[in-house]
Amino acid sequence: QLVESGGGLVQPGGSLRLSCAASGSIFSINIMGW
């Protein structure tokens, strides 16, 4: 299972860092994406 975090309100030109936490190992997952 995947859970995203890090979203919010930001001004143009600004930055954000999104995170996606997996409930288990992702070594077995070849393709991940946003």
ModelCIF file with pLDDT and N, C-alpha, C, O atoms, coordinates in Angstrom:
data_MODEL
#
_entry.id   MODEL 
#
_entity.id                         1 
_entity.type                       polymer 
_entity.pdbx_number_of_molecules   1 
#
_entity_poly.entity_id                      1 
_entity_poly.type                           'polypeptide(L)' 
_entity_poly.nstd_linkage                   no 
_entity_poly.nstd_monomer                   no 
_entity_poly.pdbx_seq_one_letter_code       QLVESGGGLVQPGGSLRLSCAASGSIFSINIMGW 
_entity_poly.pdbx_seq_one_letter_code_can   QLVESGGGLVQPGGSLRLSCAASGSIFSINIMGW 
_entity_poly.pdbx_strand_id                 A 
#
loop_
_entity_poly_seq.entity_id 
_entity_poly_seq.num 
_entity_poly_seq.mon_id 
_entity_poly_seq.hetero 
1 1  GLN n 
1 2  LEU n 
1 3  VAL n 
1 4  GLU n 
1 5  SER n 
1 6  GLY n 
1 7  GLY n 
1 8  GLY n 
1 9  LEU n 
1 10 VAL n 
1 11 GLN n 
1 12 PRO n 
1 13 GLY n 
1 14 GLY n 
1 15 SER n 
1 16 LEU n 
1 17 ARG n 
1 18 LEU n 
1 19 SER n 
1 20 CYS n 
1 21 ALA n 
1 22 ALA n 
1 23 SER n 
1 24 GLY n 
1 25 SER n 
1 26 ILE n 
1 27 PHE n 
1 28 SER n 
1 29 ILE n 
1 30 ASN n 
1 31 ILE n 
1 32 MET n 
1 33 GLY n 
1 34 TRP n 
#
_struct_asym.id          A 
_struct_asym.entity_id   1 
#
loop_
_ma_qa_metric.id 
_ma_qa_metric.mode 
_ma_qa_metric.name 
_ma_qa_metric.software_group_id 
_ma_qa_metric.type 
1 global pLDDT . pLDDT 
2 local  pLDDT . pLDDT 
#
_ma_qa_metric_global.metric_id      1 
_ma_qa_metric_global.metric_value   96.56 
_ma_qa_metric_global.model_id       1 
_ma_qa_metric_global.ordinal_id     1 
#
loop_
_ma_qa_metric_local.label_asym_id 
_ma_qa_metric_local.label_comp_id 
_ma_qa_metric_local.label_seq_id 
_ma_qa_metric_local.metric_id 
_ma_qa_metric_local.metric_value 
_ma_qa_metric_local.model_id 
_ma_qa_metric_local.ordinal_id 
A GLN 1  2 95.00 1 1  
A LEU 2  2 97.00 1 2  
A VAL 3  2 97.00 1 3  
A GLU 4  2 97.00 1 4  
A SER 5  2 97.00 1 5  
A GLY 6  2 98.00 1 6  
A GLY 7  2 98.00 1 7  
A GLY 8  2 98.00 1 8  
A LEU 9  2 98.00 1 9  
A VAL 10 2 98.00 1 10 
A GLN 11 2 98.00 1 11 
A PRO 12 2 98.00 1 12 
A GLY 13 2 98.00 1 13 
A GLY 14 2 98.00 1 14 
A SER 15 2 98.00 1 15 
A LEU 16 2 98.00 1 16 
A ARG 17 2 98.00 1 17 
A LEU 18 2 98.00 1 18 
A SER 19 2 98.00 1 19 
A CYS 20 2 98.00 1 20 
A ALA 21 2 97.00 1 21 
A ALA 22 2 97.00 1 22 
A SER 23 2 96.00 1 23 
A GLY 24 2 94.00 1 24 
A SER 25 2 94.00 1 25 
A ILE 26 2 94.00 1 26 
A PHE 27 2 93.00 1 27 
A SER 28 2 90.00 1 28 
A ILE 29 2 94.00 1 29 
A ASN 30 2 94.00 1 30 
A ILE 31 2 95.00 1 31 
A MET 32 2 96.00 1 32 
A GLY 33 2 98.00 1 33 
A TRP 34 2 98.00 1 34 
#
loop_
_atom_site.group_PDB 
_atom_site.id 
_atom_site.type_symbol 
_atom_site.label_atom_id 
_atom_site.label_alt_id 
_atom_site.label_comp_id 
_atom_site.label_asym_id 
_atom_site.label_entity_id 
_atom_site.label_seq_id 
_atom_site.pdbx_PDB_ins_code 
_atom_site.Cartn_x 
_atom_site.Cartn_y 
_atom_site.Cartn_z 
_atom_site.occupancy 
_atom_site.B_iso_or_equiv 
_atom_site.pdbx_formal_charge 
_atom_site.auth_seq_id 
_atom_site.auth_comp_id 
_atom_site.auth_asym_id 
_atom_site.auth_atom_id 
_atom_site.pdbx_PDB_model_num 
ATOM 1   N N  . GLN A 1 1  ? 0.832  -1.194 0.000   1.00 95.00 ? 1  GLN A N  1 
ATOM 2   C CA . GLN A 1 1  ? 0.000  0.000  0.000   1.00 95.00 ? 1  GLN A CA 1 
ATOM 3   C C  . GLN A 1 1  ? 0.871  1.251  0.000   1.00 95.00 ? 1  GLN A C  1 
ATOM 4   O O  . GLN A 1 1  ? 1.967  1.255  0.560   1.00 95.00 ? 1  GLN A O  1 
ATOM 5   N N  . LEU A 1 2  ? 0.370  2.318  -0.638  1.00 97.00 ? 2  LEU A N  1 
ATOM 6   C CA . LEU A 1 2  ? 1.115  3.552  -0.793  1.00 97.00 ? 2  LEU A CA 1 
ATOM 7   C C  . LEU A 1 2  ? 0.366  4.712  -0.149  1.00 97.00 ? 2  LEU A C  1 
ATOM 8   O O  . LEU A 1 2  ? -0.855 4.813  -0.267  1.00 97.00 ? 2  LEU A O  1 
ATOM 9   N N  . VAL A 1 3  ? 1.103  5.586  0.535   1.00 97.00 ? 3  VAL A N  1 
ATOM 10  C CA . VAL A 1 3  ? 0.525  6.759  1.170   1.00 97.00 ? 3  VAL A CA 1 
ATOM 11  C C  . VAL A 1 3  ? 1.362  7.977  0.826   1.00 97.00 ? 3  VAL A C  1 
ATOM 12  O O  . VAL A 1 3  ? 2.556  8.021  1.125   1.00 97.00 ? 3  VAL A O  1 
ATOM 13  N N  . GLU A 1 4  ? 0.733  8.976  0.191   1.00 97.00 ? 4  GLU A N  1 
ATOM 14  C CA . GLU A 1 4  ? 1.417  10.200 -0.188  1.00 97.00 ? 4  GLU A CA 1 
ATOM 15  C C  . GLU A 1 4  ? 1.361  11.227 0.937   1.00 97.00 ? 4  GLU A C  1 
ATOM 16  O O  . GLU A 1 4  ? 0.444  11.219 1.758   1.00 97.00 ? 4  GLU A O  1 
ATOM 17  N N  . SER A 1 5  ? 2.356  12.110 0.959   1.00 97.00 ? 5  SER A N  1 
ATOM 18  C CA . SER A 1 5  ? 2.371  13.227 1.883   1.00 97.00 ? 5  SER A CA 1 
ATOM 19  C C  . SER A 1 5  ? 3.231  14.342 1.293   1.00 97.00 ? 5  SER A C  1 
ATOM 20  O O  . SER A 1 5  ? 3.992  14.120 0.351   1.00 97.00 ? 5  SER A O  1 
ATOM 21  N N  . GLY A 1 6  ? 3.100  15.539 1.856   1.00 98.00 ? 6  GLY A N  1 
ATOM 22  C CA . GLY A 1 6  ? 3.932  16.655 1.451   1.00 98.00 ? 6  GLY A CA 1 
ATOM 23  C C  . GLY A 1 6  ? 3.256  17.693 0.591   1.00 98.00 ? 6  GLY A C  1 
ATOM 24  O O  . GLY A 1 6  ? 3.866  18.709 0.260   1.00 98.00 ? 6  GLY A O  1 
ATOM 25  N N  . GLY A 1 7  ? 2.011  17.464 0.219   1.00 98.00 ? 7  GLY A N  1 
ATOM 26  C CA . GLY A 1 7  ? 1.299  18.437 -0.584  1.00 98.00 ? 7  GLY A CA 1 
ATOM 27  C C  . GLY A 1 7  ? 0.931  19.666 0.224   1.00 98.00 ? 7  GLY A C  1 
ATOM 28  O O  . GLY A 1 7  ? 1.059  19.684 1.448   1.00 98.00 ? 7  GLY A O  1 
ATOM 29  N N  . GLY A 1 8  ? 0.473  20.693 -0.477  1.00 98.00 ? 8  GLY A N  1 
ATOM 30  C CA . GLY A 1 8  ? 0.085  21.921 0.188   1.00 98.00 ? 8  GLY A CA 1 
ATOM 31  C C  . GLY A 1 8  ? -0.018 23.071 -0.779  1.00 98.00 ? 8  GLY A C  1 
ATOM 32  O O  . GLY A 1 8  ? -0.023 22.888 -1.997  1.00 98.00 ? 8  GLY A O  1 
ATOM 33  N N  . LEU A 1 9  ? -0.100 24.263 -0.217  1.00 98.00 ? 9  LEU A N  1 
ATOM 34  C CA . LEU A 1 9  ? -0.194 25.497 -0.988  1.00 98.00 ? 9  LEU A CA 1 
ATOM 35  C C  . LEU A 1 9  ? 1.180  26.126 -1.115  1.00 98.00 ? 9  LEU A C  1 
ATOM 36  O O  . LEU A 1 9  ? 1.898  26.278 -0.126  1.00 98.00 ? 9  LEU A O  1 
ATOM 37  N N  . VAL A 1 10 ? 1.541  26.489 -2.330  1.00 98.00 ? 10 VAL A N  1 
ATOM 38  C CA . VAL A 1 10 ? 2.840  27.096 -2.579  1.00 98.00 ? 10 VAL A CA 1 
ATOM 39  C C  . VAL A 1 10 ? 2.694  28.178 -3.639  1.00 98.00 ? 10 VAL A C  1 
ATOM 40  O O  . VAL A 1 10 ? 1.835  28.082 -4.516  1.00 98.00 ? 10 VAL A O  1 
ATOM 41  N N  . GLN A 1 11 ? 3.529  29.205 -3.561  1.00 98.00 ? 11 GLN A N  1 
ATOM 42  C CA . GLN A 1 11 ? 3.507  30.276 -4.545  1.00 98.00 ? 11 GLN A CA 1 
ATOM 43  C C  . GLN A 1 11 ? 4.210  29.867 -5.827  1.00 98.00 ? 11 GLN A C  1 
ATOM 44  O O  . GLN A 1 11 ? 5.095  29.012 -5.801  1.00 98.00 ? 11 GLN A O  1 
ATOM 45  N N  . PRO A 1 12 ? 3.827  30.465 -6.949  1.00 98.00 ? 12 PRO A N  1 
ATOM 46  C CA . PRO A 1 12 ? 4.559  30.196 -8.193  1.00 98.00 ? 12 PRO A CA 1 
ATOM 47  C C  . PRO A 1 12 ? 6.051  30.442 -8.011  1.00 98.00 ? 12 PRO A C  1 
ATOM 48  O O  . PRO A 1 12 ? 6.463  31.428 -7.399  1.00 98.00 ? 12 PRO A O  1 
ATOM 49  N N  . GLY A 1 13 ? 6.848  29.535 -8.550  1.00 98.00 ? 13 GLY A N  1 
ATOM 50  C CA . GLY A 1 13 ? 8.285  29.617 -8.387  1.00 98.00 ? 13 GLY A CA 1 
ATOM 51  C C  . GLY A 1 13 ? 8.805  28.903 -7.159  1.00 98.00 ? 13 GLY A C  1 
ATOM 52  O O  . GLY A 1 13 ? 10.015 28.746 -6.996  1.00 98.00 ? 13 GLY A O  1 
ATOM 53  N N  . GLY A 1 14 ? 7.913  28.474 -6.301  1.00 98.00 ? 14 GLY A N  1 
ATOM 54  C CA . GLY A 1 14 ? 8.302  27.794 -5.083  1.00 98.00 ? 14 GLY A CA 1 
ATOM 55  C C  . GLY A 1 14 ? 8.559  26.314 -5.292  1.00 98.00 ? 14 GLY A C  1 
ATOM 56  O O  . GLY A 1 14 ? 8.538  25.812 -6.416  1.00 98.00 ? 14 GLY A O  1 
ATOM 57  N N  . SER A 1 15 ? 8.803  25.623 -4.182  1.00 98.00 ? 15 SER A N  1 
ATOM 58  C CA . SER A 1 15 ? 9.155  24.208 -4.229  1.00 98.00 ? 15 SER A CA 1 
ATOM 59  C C  . SER A 1 15 ? 8.365  23.407 -3.208  1.00 98.00 ? 15 SER A C  1 
ATOM 60  O O  . SER A 1 15 ? 7.963  23.925 -2.165  1.00 98.00 ? 15 SER A O  1 
ATOM 61  N N  . LEU A 1 16 ? 8.151  22.149 -3.520  1.00 98.00 ? 16 LEU A N  1 
ATOM 62  C CA . LEU A 1 16 ? 7.565  21.181 -2.611  1.00 98.00 ? 16 LEU A CA 1 
ATOM 63  C C  . LEU A 1 16 ? 8.247  19.842 -2.822  1.00 98.00 ? 16 LEU A C  1 
ATOM 64  O O  . LEU A 1 16 ? 8.727  19.537 -3.915  1.00 98.00 ? 16 LEU A O  1 
ATOM 65  N N  . ARG A 1 17 ? 8.284  19.056 -1.771  1.00 98.00 ? 17 ARG A N  1 
ATOM 66  C CA . ARG A 1 17 ? 8.797  17.699 -1.857  1.00 98.00 ? 17 ARG A CA 1 
ATOM 67  C C  . ARG A 1 17 ? 7.715  16.732 -1.413  1.00 98.00 ? 17 ARG A C  1 
ATOM 68  O O  . ARG A 1 17 ? 7.284  16.750 -0.260  1.00 98.00 ? 17 ARG A O  1 
ATOM 69  N N  . LEU A 1 18 ? 7.284  15.899 -2.330  1.00 98.00 ? 18 LEU A N  1 
ATOM 70  C CA . LEU A 1 18 ? 6.286  14.889 -2.027  1.00 98.00 ? 18 LEU A CA 1 
ATOM 71  C C  . LEU A 1 18 ? 6.962  13.578 -1.659  1.00 98.00 ? 18 LEU A C  1 
ATOM 72  O O  . LEU A 1 18 ? 8.006  13.225 -2.206  1.00 98.00 ? 18 LEU A O  1 
ATOM 73  N N  . SER A 1 19 ? 6.355  12.870 -0.731  1.00 98.00 ? 19 SER A N  1 
ATOM 74  C CA . SER A 1 19 ? 6.849  11.566 -0.327  1.00 98.00 ? 19 SER A CA 1 
ATOM 75  C C  . SER A 1 19 ? 5.766  10.520 -0.515  1.00 98.00 ? 19 SER A C  1 
ATOM 76  O O  . SER A 1 19 ? 4.577  10.808 -0.372  1.00 98.00 ? 19 SER A O  1 
ATOM 77  N N  . CYS A 1 20 ? 6.175  9.333  -0.828  1.00 98.00 ? 20 CYS A N  1 
ATOM 78  C CA . CYS A 1 20 ? 5.269  8.202  -0.978  1.00 98.00 ? 20 CYS A CA 1 
ATOM 79  C C  . CYS A 1 20 ? 5.831  7.055  -0.158  1.00 98.00 ? 20 CYS A C  1 
ATOM 80  O O  . CYS A 1 20 ? 6.837  6.449  -0.526  1.00 98.00 ? 20 CYS A O  1 
ATOM 81  N N  . ALA A 1 21 ? 5.175  6.763  0.954   1.00 97.00 ? 21 ALA A N  1 
ATOM 82  C CA . ALA A 1 21 ? 5.624  5.707  1.845   1.00 97.00 ? 21 ALA A CA 1 
ATOM 83  C C  . ALA A 1 21 ? 4.907  4.408  1.513   1.00 97.00 ? 21 ALA A C  1 
ATOM 84  O O  . ALA A 1 21 ? 3.679  4.368  1.435   1.00 97.00 ? 21 ALA A O  1 
ATOM 85  N N  . ALA A 1 22 ? 5.667  3.364  1.321   1.00 97.00 ? 22 ALA A N  1 
ATOM 86  C CA . ALA A 1 22 ? 5.112  2.050  1.024   1.00 97.00 ? 22 ALA A CA 1 
ATOM 87  C C  . ALA A 1 22 ? 5.034  1.205  2.284   1.00 97.00 ? 22 ALA A C  1 
ATOM 88  O O  . ALA A 1 22 ? 5.888  1.304  3.165   1.00 97.00 ? 22 ALA A O  1 
ATOM 89  N N  . SER A 1 23 ? 4.010  0.380  2.361   1.00 96.00 ? 23 SER A N  1 
ATOM 90  C CA . SER A 1 23 ? 3.794  -0.442 3.545   1.00 96.00 ? 23 SER A CA 1 
ATOM 91  C C  . SER A 1 23 ? 4.705  -1.660 3.605   1.00 96.00 ? 23 SER A C  1 
ATOM 92  O O  . SER A 1 23 ? 4.787  -2.329 4.635   1.00 96.00 ? 23 SER A O  1 
ATOM 93  N N  . GLY A 1 24 ? 5.381  -1.945 2.512   1.00 94.00 ? 24 GLY A N  1 
ATOM 94  C CA . GLY A 1 24 ? 6.275  -3.076 2.454   1.00 94.00 ? 24 GLY A CA 1 
ATOM 95  C C  . GLY A 1 24 ? 7.455  -2.791 1.563   1.00 94.00 ? 24 GLY A C  1 
ATOM 96  O O  . GLY A 1 24 ? 7.627  -1.674 1.074   1.00 94.00 ? 24 GLY A O  1 
ATOM 97  N N  . SER A 1 25 ? 8.260  -3.793 1.355   1.00 94.00 ? 25 SER A N  1 
ATOM 98  C CA . SER A 1 25 ? 9.462  -3.644 0.544   1.00 94.00 ? 25 SER A CA 1 
ATOM 99  C C  . SER A 1 25 ? 9.130  -3.253 -0.886  1.00 94.00 ? 25 SER A C  1 
ATOM 100 O O  . SER A 1 25 ? 8.194  -3.780 -1.486  1.00 94.00 ? 25 SER A O  1 
ATOM 101 N N  . ILE A 1 26 ? 9.919  -2.310 -1.430  1.00 94.00 ? 26 ILE A N  1 
ATOM 102 C CA . ILE A 1 26 ? 9.752  -1.925 -2.829  1.00 94.00 ? 26 ILE A CA 1 
ATOM 103 C C  . ILE A 1 26 ? 10.866 -2.493 -3.695  1.00 94.00 ? 26 ILE A C  1 
ATOM 104 O O  . ILE A 1 26 ? 10.959 -2.173 -4.880  1.00 94.00 ? 26 ILE A O  1 
ATOM 105 N N  . PHE A 1 27 ? 11.700 -3.320 -3.118  1.00 93.00 ? 27 PHE A N  1 
ATOM 106 C CA . PHE A 1 27 ? 12.746 -3.966 -3.905  1.00 93.00 ? 27 PHE A CA 1 
ATOM 107 C C  . PHE A 1 27 ? 12.167 -4.874 -4.981  1.00 93.00 ? 27 PHE A C  1 
ATOM 108 O O  . PHE A 1 27 ? 12.808 -5.135 -5.999  1.00 93.00 ? 27 PHE A O  1 
ATOM 109 N N  . SER A 1 28 ? 10.960 -5.348 -4.750  1.00 90.00 ? 28 SER A N  1 
ATOM 110 C CA . SER A 1 28 ? 10.312 -6.237 -5.708  1.00 90.00 ? 28 SER A CA 1 
ATOM 111 C C  . SER A 1 28 ? 9.477  -5.488 -6.741  1.00 90.00 ? 28 SER A C  1 
ATOM 112 O O  . SER A 1 28 ? 8.878  -6.107 -7.621  1.00 90.00 ? 28 SER A O  1 
ATOM 113 N N  . ILE A 1 29 ? 9.435  -4.160 -6.641  1.00 94.00 ? 29 ILE A N  1 
ATOM 114 C CA . ILE A 1 29 ? 8.638  -3.343 -7.550  1.00 94.00 ? 29 ILE A CA 1 
ATOM 115 C C  . ILE A 1 29 ? 9.554  -2.674 -8.565  1.00 94.00 ? 29 ILE A C  1 
ATOM 116 O O  . ILE A 1 29 ? 10.365 -1.819 -8.212  1.00 94.00 ? 29 ILE A O  1 
ATOM 117 N N  . ASN A 1 30 ? 9.421  -3.062 -9.808  1.00 94.00 ? 30 ASN A N  1 
ATOM 118 C CA . ASN A 1 30 ? 10.292 -2.522 -10.844 1.00 94.00 ? 30 ASN A CA 1 
ATOM 119 C C  . ASN A 1 30 ? 9.953  -1.079 -11.195 1.00 94.00 ? 30 ASN A C  1 
ATOM 120 O O  . ASN A 1 30 ? 10.847 -0.237 -11.287 1.00 94.00 ? 30 ASN A O  1 
ATOM 121 N N  . ILE A 1 31 ? 8.671  -0.788 -11.390 1.00 95.00 ? 31 ILE A N  1 
ATOM 122 C CA . ILE A 1 31 ? 8.247  0.522  -11.864 1.00 95.00 ? 31 ILE A CA 1 
ATOM 123 C C  . ILE A 1 31 ? 7.426  1.237  -10.805 1.00 95.00 ? 31 ILE A C  1 
ATOM 124 O O  . ILE A 1 31 ? 6.422  0.709  -10.328 1.00 95.00 ? 31 ILE A O  1 
ATOM 125 N N  . MET A 1 32 ? 7.852  2.434  -10.439 1.00 96.00 ? 32 MET A N  1 
ATOM 126 C CA . MET A 1 32 ? 7.095  3.309  -9.569  1.00 96.00 ? 32 MET A CA 1 
ATOM 127 C C  . MET A 1 32 ? 7.021  4.680  -10.223 1.00 96.00 ? 32 MET A C  1 
ATOM 128 O O  . MET A 1 32 ? 7.901  5.059  -10.997 1.00 96.00 ? 32 MET A O  1 
ATOM 129 N N  . GLY A 1 33 ? 5.972  5.413  -9.908  1.00 98.00 ? 33 GLY A N  1 
ATOM 130 C CA . GLY A 1 33 ? 5.845  6.714  -10.535 1.00 98.00 ? 33 GLY A CA 1 
ATOM 131 C C  . GLY A 1 33 ? 4.876  7.635  -9.836  1.00 98.00 ? 33 GLY A C  1 
ATOM 132 O O  . GLY A 1 33 ? 4.150  7.249  -8.920  1.00 98.00 ? 33 GLY A O  1 
ATOM 133 N N  . TRP A 1 34 ? 4.894  8.872  -10.304 1.00 98.00 ? 34 TRP A N  1 
ATOM 134 C CA . TRP A 1 34 ? 3.974  9.899  -9.848  1.00 98.00 ? 34 TRP A CA 1 
ATOM 135 C C  . TRP A 1 34 ? 3.065  10.309 -10.994 1.00 98.00 ? 34 TRP A C  1 
ATOM 136 O O  . TRP A 1 34 ? 2.205  11.173 -10.822 1.00 98.00 ? 34 TRP A O  1 
#
